[in-house]
Each structure stands twice: as C-alpha cells, then as structure tokens.
Amino acid sequence: HNPIGDMIGKCQPTDWRSPTVIDSYNFILENLVLDANNSRVDYLDTTFITKPVWDTAYDWCHLPLKVSSVEALYIAYVLLVD
C-alpha cells in the first residue's frame, strides 16, 4: 500500500495505488490463480505480514527492513518447508 497523499487522495487521483485499489488487484489476482487450478502456479499471500504495518515505512513506500525480513523468511519457509 501507498500513503493517501495528495496524488492518491485528490479527486481525480493521479496515482491509483490506494489501499482499496491494491487490495482489489490482489483479490482479482488470487481468484485468477485459484480459478486456473494450475499446479504450476500458486498464489502466496503475505498481506497478513505487510497489511497491518503498511503505514510504517519511513518514506511511505518501502517497508522497514524488519518487515521485509519477516516477509522474506515466510516466503522461504513456504518454498522450502511447507
């Protein structure tokens, strides 16, 4: 998610990456993957890690290293263990 600043919050936004739009894109992508029922493609949802802290980024765009590290560890776990 990106912050709701003047580019996202104004009417008409010049940047459409609002939390609602990003969530909608992710929902569509997840459903496309699930509907395809393809064993070669999986949808890995990491929003349970990133969504609660999306607004903690020092620059409002890139998550802190602690969050990125947790996300990377989860992805590695899913790929290597799960």
PDB file of N, CA and C in Angstrom:
ATOM      1  N   HIS A   1       0.817  -1.191   0.000  1.00  0.00           N
ATOM      2  CA  HIS A   1       0.000   0.000   0.000  1.00  0.00           C
ATOM      3  C   HIS A   1       0.860   1.254   0.000  1.00  0.00           C
ATOM      4  N   ASN A   2       0.317   2.295  -0.525  1.00  0.00           N
ATOM      5  CA  ASN A   2       0.982   3.592  -0.527  1.00  0.00           C
ATOM      6  C   ASN A   2       0.162   4.566   0.307  1.00  0.00           C
ATOM      7  N   PRO A   3       0.792   5.624   0.789  1.00  0.00           N
ATOM      8  CA  PRO A   3       0.072   6.575   1.637  1.00  0.00           C
ATOM      9  C   PRO A   3      -1.003   7.315   0.860  1.00  0.00           C
ATOM     10  N   ILE A   4      -2.005   7.754   1.585  1.00  0.00           N
ATOM     11  CA  ILE A   4      -3.077   8.511   0.946  1.00  0.00           C
ATOM     12  C   ILE A   4      -2.692   9.989   0.996  1.00  0.00           C
ATOM     13  N   GLY A   5      -1.832  10.372   0.085  1.00  0.00           N
ATOM     14  CA  GLY A   5      -1.386  11.756  -0.016  1.00  0.00           C
ATOM     15  C   GLY A   5      -2.193  12.486  -1.073  1.00  0.00           C
ATOM     16  N   ASP A   6      -1.649  13.607  -1.518  1.00  0.00           N
ATOM     17  CA  ASP A   6      -2.395  14.427  -2.481  1.00  0.00           C
ATOM     18  C   ASP A   6      -2.556  13.753  -3.839  1.00  0.00           C
ATOM     19  N   MET A   7      -1.619  12.900  -4.225  1.00  0.00           N
ATOM     20  CA  MET A   7      -1.744  12.235  -5.530  1.00  0.00           C
ATOM     21  C   MET A   7      -2.797  11.130  -5.506  1.00  0.00           C
ATOM     22  N   ILE A   8      -2.972  10.478  -4.354  1.00  0.00           N
ATOM     23  CA  ILE A   8      -3.931   9.375  -4.243  1.00  0.00           C
ATOM     24  C   ILE A   8      -5.276   9.858  -3.726  1.00  0.00           C
ATOM     25  N   GLY A   9      -5.257  10.831  -2.818  1.00  0.00           N
ATOM     26  CA  GLY A   9      -6.488  11.248  -2.158  1.00  0.00           C
ATOM     27  C   GLY A   9      -7.288  12.329  -2.854  1.00  0.00           C
ATOM     28  N   LYS A  10      -6.700  12.958  -3.870  1.00  0.00           N
ATOM     29  CA  LYS A  10      -7.458  14.038  -4.517  1.00  0.00           C
ATOM     30  C   LYS A  10      -8.453  13.468  -5.520  1.00  0.00           C
ATOM     31  N   CYS A  11      -9.340  14.286  -5.956  1.00  0.00           N
ATOM     32  CA  CYS A  11     -10.349  13.891  -6.929  1.00  0.00           C
ATOM     33  C   CYS A  11     -10.033  14.595  -8.245  1.00  0.00           C
ATOM     34  N   GLN A  12      -9.782  13.941  -9.138  1.00  0.00           N
ATOM     35  CA  GLN A  12      -9.348  12.705  -9.700  1.00  0.00           C
ATOM     36  C   GLN A  12      -7.912  12.411  -9.260  1.00  0.00           C
ATOM     37  N   PRO A  13      -7.675  11.225  -8.715  1.00  0.00           N
ATOM     38  CA  PRO A  13      -6.317  10.869  -8.326  1.00  0.00           C
ATOM     39  C   PRO A  13      -5.417  10.729  -9.549  1.00  0.00           C
ATOM     40  N   THR A  14      -4.160  11.127  -9.380  1.00  0.00           N
ATOM     41  CA  THR A  14      -3.176  10.919 -10.448  1.00  0.00           C
ATOM     42  C   THR A  14      -2.346   9.669 -10.163  1.00  0.00           C
ATOM     43  N   ASP A  15      -2.525   9.103  -8.979  1.00  0.00           N
ATOM     44  CA  ASP A  15      -1.878   7.850  -8.600  1.00  0.00           C
ATOM     45  C   ASP A  15      -2.975   6.966  -8.008  1.00  0.00           C
ATOM     46  N   TRP A  16      -3.211   5.842  -8.634  1.00  0.00           N
ATOM     47  CA  TRP A  16      -4.338   4.993  -8.253  1.00  0.00           C
ATOM     48  C   TRP A  16      -3.955   3.904  -7.259  1.00  0.00           C
ATOM     49  N   ARG A  17      -2.742   3.953  -6.680  1.00  0.00           N
ATOM     50  CA  ARG A  17      -2.278   2.891  -5.787  1.00  0.00           C
ATOM     51  C   ARG A  17      -2.764   3.097  -4.350  1.00  0.00           C
ATOM     52  N   SER A  18      -4.039   3.296  -4.190  1.00  0.00           N
ATOM     53  CA  SER A  18      -4.616   3.435  -2.852  1.00  0.00           C
ATOM     54  C   SER A  18      -4.772   2.046  -2.239  1.00  0.00           C
ATOM     55  N   PRO A  19      -4.892   1.951  -0.911  1.00  0.00           N
ATOM     56  CA  PRO A  19      -5.076   0.635  -0.293  1.00  0.00           C
ATOM     57  C   PRO A  19      -6.256  -0.146  -0.871  1.00  0.00           C
ATOM     58  N   THR A  20      -7.340   0.529  -1.159  1.00  0.00           N
ATOM     59  CA  THR A  20      -8.518  -0.160  -1.704  1.00  0.00           C
ATOM     60  C   THR A  20      -8.240  -0.737  -3.085  1.00  0.00           C
ATOM     61  N   VAL A  21      -7.559   0.020  -3.926  1.00  0.00           N
ATOM     62  CA  VAL A  21      -7.252  -0.452  -5.282  1.00  0.00           C
ATOM     63  C   VAL A  21      -6.259  -1.611  -5.229  1.00  0.00           C
ATOM     64  N   ILE A  22      -5.235  -1.488  -4.403  1.00  0.00           N
ATOM     65  CA  ILE A  22      -4.241  -2.555  -4.276  1.00  0.00           C
ATOM     66  C   ILE A  22      -4.905  -3.834  -3.765  1.00  0.00           C
ATOM     67  N   ASP A  23      -5.763  -3.709  -2.753  1.00  0.00           N
ATOM     68  CA  ASP A  23      -6.479  -4.886  -2.239  1.00  0.00           C
ATOM     69  C   ASP A  23      -7.349  -5.521  -3.316  1.00  0.00           C
ATOM     70  N   SER A  24      -7.985  -4.694  -4.127  1.00  0.00           N
ATOM     71  CA  SER A  24      -8.834  -5.215  -5.208  1.00  0.00           C
ATOM     72  C   SER A  24      -8.017  -5.968  -6.253  1.00  0.00           C
ATOM     73  N   TYR A  25      -6.875  -5.397  -6.637  1.00  0.00           N
ATOM     74  CA  TYR A  25      -6.000  -6.083  -7.589  1.00  0.00           C
ATOM     75  C   TYR A  25      -5.531  -7.423  -7.025  1.00  0.00           C
ATOM     76  N   ASN A  26      -5.138  -7.436  -5.761  1.00  0.00           N
ATOM     77  CA  ASN A  26      -4.694  -8.688  -5.143  1.00  0.00           C
ATOM     78  C   ASN A  26      -5.818  -9.710  -5.082  1.00  0.00           C
ATOM     79  N   PHE A  27      -7.028  -9.268  -4.792  1.00  0.00           N
ATOM     80  CA  PHE A  27      -8.185 -10.160  -4.752  1.00  0.00           C
ATOM     81  C   PHE A  27      -8.433 -10.783  -6.127  1.00  0.00           C
ATOM     82  N   ILE A  28      -8.376  -9.968  -7.158  1.00  0.00           N
ATOM     83  CA  ILE A  28      -8.576 -10.455  -8.530  1.00  0.00           C
ATOM     84  C   ILE A  28      -7.480 -11.442  -8.909  1.00  0.00           C
ATOM     85  N   LEU A  29      -6.230 -11.083  -8.616  1.00  0.00           N
ATOM     86  CA  LEU A  29      -5.110 -11.962  -8.948  1.00  0.00           C
ATOM     87  C   LEU A  29      -5.215 -13.303  -8.228  1.00  0.00           C
ATOM     88  N   GLU A  30      -5.552 -13.263  -6.942  1.00  0.00           N
ATOM     89  CA  GLU A  30      -5.702 -14.507  -6.189  1.00  0.00           C
ATOM     90  C   GLU A  30      -6.790 -15.387  -6.791  1.00  0.00           C
ATOM     91  N   ASN A  31      -7.916 -14.788  -7.147  1.00  0.00           N
ATOM     92  CA  ASN A  31      -9.011 -15.562  -7.730  1.00  0.00           C
ATOM     93  C   ASN A  31      -8.662 -16.109  -9.108  1.00  0.00           C
ATOM     94  N   LEU A  32      -7.919 -15.362  -9.901  1.00  0.00           N
ATOM     95  CA  LEU A  32      -7.481 -15.873 -11.207  1.00  0.00           C
ATOM     96  C   LEU A  32      -6.598 -17.097 -11.040  1.00  0.00           C
ATOM     97  N   VAL A  33      -5.691 -17.031 -10.089  1.00  0.00           N
ATOM     98  CA  VAL A  33      -4.799 -18.164  -9.848  1.00  0.00           C
ATOM     99  C   VAL A  33      -5.594 -19.365  -9.346  1.00  0.00           C
ATOM    100  N   LEU A  34      -6.489 -19.139  -8.390  1.00  0.00           N
ATOM    101  CA  LEU A  34      -7.285 -20.246  -7.853  1.00  0.00           C
ATOM    102  C   LEU A  34      -8.212 -20.839  -8.906  1.00  0.00           C
ATOM    103  N   ASP A  35      -8.817 -19.987  -9.730  1.00  0.00           N
ATOM    104  CA  ASP A  35      -9.717 -20.471 -10.772  1.00  0.00           C
ATOM    105  C   ASP A  35      -8.977 -21.242 -11.865  1.00  0.00           C
ATOM    106  N   ALA A  36      -7.723 -20.882 -12.105  1.00  0.00           N
ATOM    107  CA  ALA A  36      -6.951 -21.571 -13.136  1.00  0.00           C
ATOM    108  C   ALA A  36      -6.662 -23.012 -12.738  1.00  0.00           C
ATOM    109  N   ASN A  37      -6.628 -23.273 -11.432  1.00  0.00           N
ATOM    110  CA  ASN A  37      -6.406 -24.624 -10.926  1.00  0.00           C
ATOM    111  C   ASN A  37      -5.201 -25.269 -11.600  1.00  0.00           C
ATOM    112  N   ASN A  38      -4.125 -24.503 -11.668  1.00  0.00           N
ATOM    113  CA  ASN A  38      -2.901 -24.937 -12.325  1.00  0.00           C
ATOM    114  C   ASN A  38      -1.880 -25.310 -11.259  1.00  0.00           C
ATOM    115  N   SER A  39      -1.369 -26.515 -11.295  1.00  0.00           N
ATOM    116  CA  SER A  39      -0.428 -26.968 -10.274  1.00  0.00           C
ATOM    117  C   SER A  39       0.930 -26.280 -10.375  1.00  0.00           C
ATOM    118  N   ARG A  40       1.190 -25.568 -11.459  1.00  0.00           N
ATOM    119  CA  ARG A  40       2.477 -24.889 -11.623  1.00  0.00           C
ATOM    120  C   ARG A  40       2.448 -23.458 -11.111  1.00  0.00           C
ATOM    121  N   VAL A  41       1.277 -22.939 -10.799  1.00  0.00           N
ATOM    122  CA  VAL A  41       1.157 -21.558 -10.348  1.00  0.00           C
ATOM    123  C   VAL A  41       0.410 -21.531  -9.016  1.00  0.00           C
ATOM    124  N   ASP A  42       1.015 -20.896  -8.030  1.00  0.00           N
ATOM    125  CA  ASP A  42       0.389 -20.730  -6.726  1.00  0.00           C
ATOM    126  C   ASP A  42       0.319 -19.250  -6.389  1.00  0.00           C
ATOM    127  N   TYR A  43      -0.615 -18.913  -5.536  1.00  0.00           N
ATOM    128  CA  TYR A  43      -0.732 -17.549  -5.027  1.00  0.00           C
ATOM    129  C   TYR A  43      -0.255 -17.558  -3.593  1.00  0.00           C
ATOM    130  N   LEU A  44       0.752 -16.789  -3.309  1.00  0.00           N
ATOM    131  CA  LEU A  44       1.306 -16.720  -1.959  1.00  0.00           C
ATOM    132  C   LEU A  44       0.908 -15.377  -1.344  1.00  0.00           C
ATOM    133  N   ASP A  45       0.032 -15.444  -0.384  1.00  0.00           N
ATOM    134  CA  ASP A  45      -0.494 -14.234   0.258  1.00  0.00           C
ATOM    135  C   ASP A  45       0.369 -13.862   1.459  1.00  0.00           C
ATOM    136  N   THR A  46       0.997 -12.704   1.396  1.00  0.00           N
ATOM    137  CA  THR A  46       1.806 -12.219   2.519  1.00  0.00           C
ATOM    138  C   THR A  46       1.181 -10.988   3.171  1.00  0.00           C
ATOM    139  N   THR A  47      -0.054 -10.712   2.826  1.00  0.00           N
ATOM    140  CA  THR A  47      -0.662  -9.496   3.373  1.00  0.00           C
ATOM    141  C   THR A  47      -0.877  -9.567   4.881  1.00  0.00           C
ATOM    142  N   PHE A  48      -0.949 -10.774   5.452  1.00  0.00           N
ATOM    143  CA  PHE A  48      -1.089 -10.860   6.904  1.00  0.00           C
ATOM    144  C   PHE A  48       0.163 -10.324   7.604  1.00  0.00           C
ATOM    145  N   ILE A  49       1.271 -10.255   6.883  1.00  0.00           N
ATOM    146  CA  ILE A  49       2.505  -9.686   7.423  1.00  0.00           C
ATOM    147  C   ILE A  49       2.575  -8.190   7.138  1.00  0.00           C
ATOM    148  N   THR A  50       2.290  -7.806   5.915  1.00  0.00           N
ATOM    149  CA  THR A  50       2.527  -6.422   5.497  1.00  0.00           C
ATOM    150  C   THR A  50       1.363  -5.467   5.753  1.00  0.00           C
ATOM    151  N   LYS A  51       0.142  -5.961   5.655  1.00  0.00           N
ATOM    152  CA  LYS A  51      -1.008  -5.061   5.742  1.00  0.00           C
ATOM    153  C   LYS A  51      -1.118  -4.327   7.080  1.00  0.00           C
ATOM    154  N   PRO A  52      -0.890  -4.987   8.218  1.00  0.00           N
ATOM    155  CA  PRO A  52      -1.024  -4.265   9.490  1.00  0.00           C
ATOM    156  C   PRO A  52       0.008  -3.141   9.670  1.00  0.00           C
ATOM    157  N   VAL A  53       1.094  -3.185   8.908  1.00  0.00           N
ATOM    158  CA  VAL A  53       2.164  -2.197   9.109  1.00  0.00           C
ATOM    159  C   VAL A  53       2.479  -1.412   7.831  1.00  0.00           C
ATOM    160  N   TRP A  54       1.546  -1.360   6.901  1.00  0.00           N
ATOM    161  CA  TRP A  54       1.818  -0.713   5.624  1.00  0.00           C
ATOM    162  C   TRP A  54       2.157   0.760   5.773  1.00  0.00           C
ATOM    163  N   ASP A  55       1.710   1.381   6.849  1.00  0.00           N
ATOM    164  CA  ASP A  55       1.947   2.815   7.019  1.00  0.00           C
ATOM    165  C   ASP A  55       3.158   3.126   7.905  1.00  0.00           C
ATOM    166  N   THR A  56       4.021   2.141   8.139  1.00  0.00           N
ATOM    167  CA  THR A  56       5.208   2.367   8.973  1.00  0.00           C
ATOM    168  C   THR A  56       6.452   2.692   8.156  1.00  0.00           C
ATOM    169  N   ALA A  57       6.342   2.714   6.861  1.00  0.00           N
ATOM    170  CA  ALA A  57       7.501   2.974   6.010  1.00  0.00           C
ATOM    171  C   ALA A  57       8.016   4.394   6.219  1.00  0.00           C
ATOM    172  N   TYR A  58       9.328   4.512   6.363  1.00  0.00           N
ATOM    173  CA  TYR A  58       9.927   5.832   6.588  1.00  0.00           C
ATOM    174  C   TYR A  58       9.659   6.790   5.428  1.00  0.00           C
ATOM    175  N   ASP A  59       9.561   6.248   4.223  1.00  0.00           N
ATOM    176  CA  ASP A  59       9.307   7.084   3.050  1.00  0.00           C
ATOM    177  C   ASP A  59       7.882   6.895   2.521  1.00  0.00           C
ATOM    178  N   TRP A  60       7.050   6.199   3.272  1.00  0.00           N
ATOM    179  CA  TRP A  60       5.660   5.902   2.929  1.00  0.00           C
ATOM    180  C   TRP A  60       5.516   4.978   1.726  1.00  0.00           C
ATOM    181  N   CYS A  61       6.604   4.351   1.311  1.00  0.00           N
ATOM    182  CA  CYS A  61       6.518   3.446   0.162  1.00  0.00           C
ATOM    183  C   CYS A  61       7.203   2.104   0.400  1.00  0.00           C
ATOM    184  N   HIS A  62       8.341   2.108   1.055  1.00  0.00           N
ATOM    185  CA  HIS A  62       9.120   0.891   1.229  1.00  0.00           C
ATOM    186  C   HIS A  62       9.080   0.464   2.691  1.00  0.00           C
ATOM    187  N   LEU A  63       8.659  -0.770   2.924  1.00  0.00           N
ATOM    188  CA  LEU A  63       8.519  -1.261   4.286  1.00  0.00           C
ATOM    189  C   LEU A  63       9.867  -1.316   4.998  1.00  0.00           C
ATOM    190  N   PRO A  64       9.857  -1.159   6.317  1.00  0.00           N
ATOM    191  CA  PRO A  64      11.105  -1.258   7.081  1.00  0.00           C
ATOM    192  C   PRO A  64      11.756  -2.634   6.902  1.00  0.00           C
ATOM    193  N   LEU A  65      13.060  -2.685   7.106  1.00  0.00           N
ATOM    194  CA  LEU A  65      13.813  -3.919   6.921  1.00  0.00           C
ATOM    195  C   LEU A  65      13.270  -5.053   7.785  1.00  0.00           C
ATOM    196  N   LYS A  66      12.831  -4.741   8.995  1.00  0.00           N
ATOM    197  CA  LYS A  66      12.282  -5.788   9.866  1.00  0.00           C
ATOM    198  C   LYS A  66      11.085  -6.472   9.212  1.00  0.00           C
ATOM    199  N   VAL A  67      10.215  -5.687   8.610  1.00  0.00           N
ATOM    200  CA  VAL A  67       9.017  -6.250   7.975  1.00  0.00           C
ATOM    201  C   VAL A  67       9.403  -7.032   6.716  1.00  0.00           C
ATOM    202  N   SER A  68      10.277  -6.458   5.916  1.00  0.00           N
ATOM    203  CA  SER A  68      10.719  -7.145   4.698  1.00  0.00           C
ATOM    204  C   SER A  68      11.418  -8.455   5.022  1.00  0.00           C
ATOM    205  N   SER A  69      12.177  -8.461   6.109  1.00  0.00           N
ATOM    206  CA  SER A  69      12.877  -9.681   6.520  1.00  0.00           C
ATOM    207  C   SER A  69      11.893 -10.769   6.943  1.00  0.00           C
ATOM    208  N   VAL A  70      10.872 -10.392   7.693  1.00  0.00           N
ATOM    209  CA  VAL A  70       9.853 -11.363   8.101  1.00  0.00           C
ATOM    210  C   VAL A  70       9.134 -11.906   6.870  1.00  0.00           C
ATOM    211  N   GLU A  71       8.817 -11.038   5.947  1.00  0.00           N
ATOM    212  CA  GLU A  71       8.148 -11.474   4.715  1.00  0.00           C
ATOM    213  C   GLU A  71       9.045 -12.439   3.935  1.00  0.00           C
ATOM    214  N   ALA A  72      10.330 -12.113   3.824  1.00  0.00           N
ATOM    215  CA  ALA A  72      11.273 -12.977   3.106  1.00  0.00           C
ATOM    216  C   ALA A  72      11.407 -14.335   3.792  1.00  0.00           C
ATOM    217  N   LEU A  73      11.462 -14.340   5.121  1.00  0.00           N
ATOM    218  CA  LEU A  73      11.551 -15.606   5.852  1.00  0.00           C
ATOM    219  C   LEU A  73      10.302 -16.460   5.638  1.00  0.00           C
ATOM    220  N   TYR A  74       9.144 -15.828   5.619  1.00  0.00           N
ATOM    221  CA  TYR A  74       7.901 -16.569   5.376  1.00  0.00           C
ATOM    222  C   TYR A  74       7.905 -17.170   3.971  1.00  0.00           C
ATOM    223  N   ILE A  75       8.314 -16.398   2.989  1.00  0.00           N
ATOM    224  CA  ILE A  75       8.363 -16.895   1.608  1.00  0.00           C
ATOM    225  C   ILE A  75       9.337 -18.065   1.512  1.00  0.00           C
ATOM    226  N   ALA A  76      10.510 -17.934   2.138  1.00  0.00           N
ATOM    227  CA  ALA A  76      11.483 -19.033   2.134  1.00  0.00           C
ATOM    228  C   ALA A  76      10.903 -20.274   2.806  1.00  0.00           C
ATOM    229  N   TYR A  77      10.200 -20.090   3.912  1.00  0.00           N
ATOM    230  CA  TYR A  77       9.579 -21.217   4.607  1.00  0.00           C
ATOM    231  C   TYR A  77       8.580 -21.940   3.698  1.00  0.00           C
ATOM    232  N   VAL A  78       7.717 -21.175   3.060  1.00  0.00           N
ATOM    233  CA  VAL A  78       6.705 -21.779   2.191  1.00  0.00           C
ATOM    234  C   VAL A  78       7.358 -22.527   1.031  1.00  0.00           C
ATOM    235  N   LEU A  79       8.391 -21.942   0.444  1.00  0.00           N
ATOM    236  CA  LEU A  79       9.044 -22.561  -0.699  1.00  0.00           C
ATOM    237  C   LEU A  79       9.866 -23.789  -0.319  1.00  0.00           C
ATOM    238  N   LEU A  80      10.490 -23.769   0.855  1.00  0.00           N
ATOM    239  CA  LEU A  80      11.432 -24.818   1.203  1.00  0.00           C
ATOM    240  C   LEU A  80      10.891 -25.879   2.162  1.00  0.00           C
ATOM    241  N   VAL A  81       9.903 -25.521   2.979  1.00  0.00           N
ATOM    242  CA  VAL A  81       9.452 -26.436   4.012  1.00  0.00           C
ATOM    243  C   VAL A  81       8.014 -26.882   3.812  1.00  0.00           C
ATOM    244  N   ASP A  82       7.150 -25.934   3.589  1.00  0.00           N
ATOM    245  CA  ASP A  82       5.712 -26.208   3.575  1.00  0.00           C
ATOM    246  C   ASP A  82       5.299 -27.112   2.446  1.00  0.00           C
TER     247      ASP A  82
END
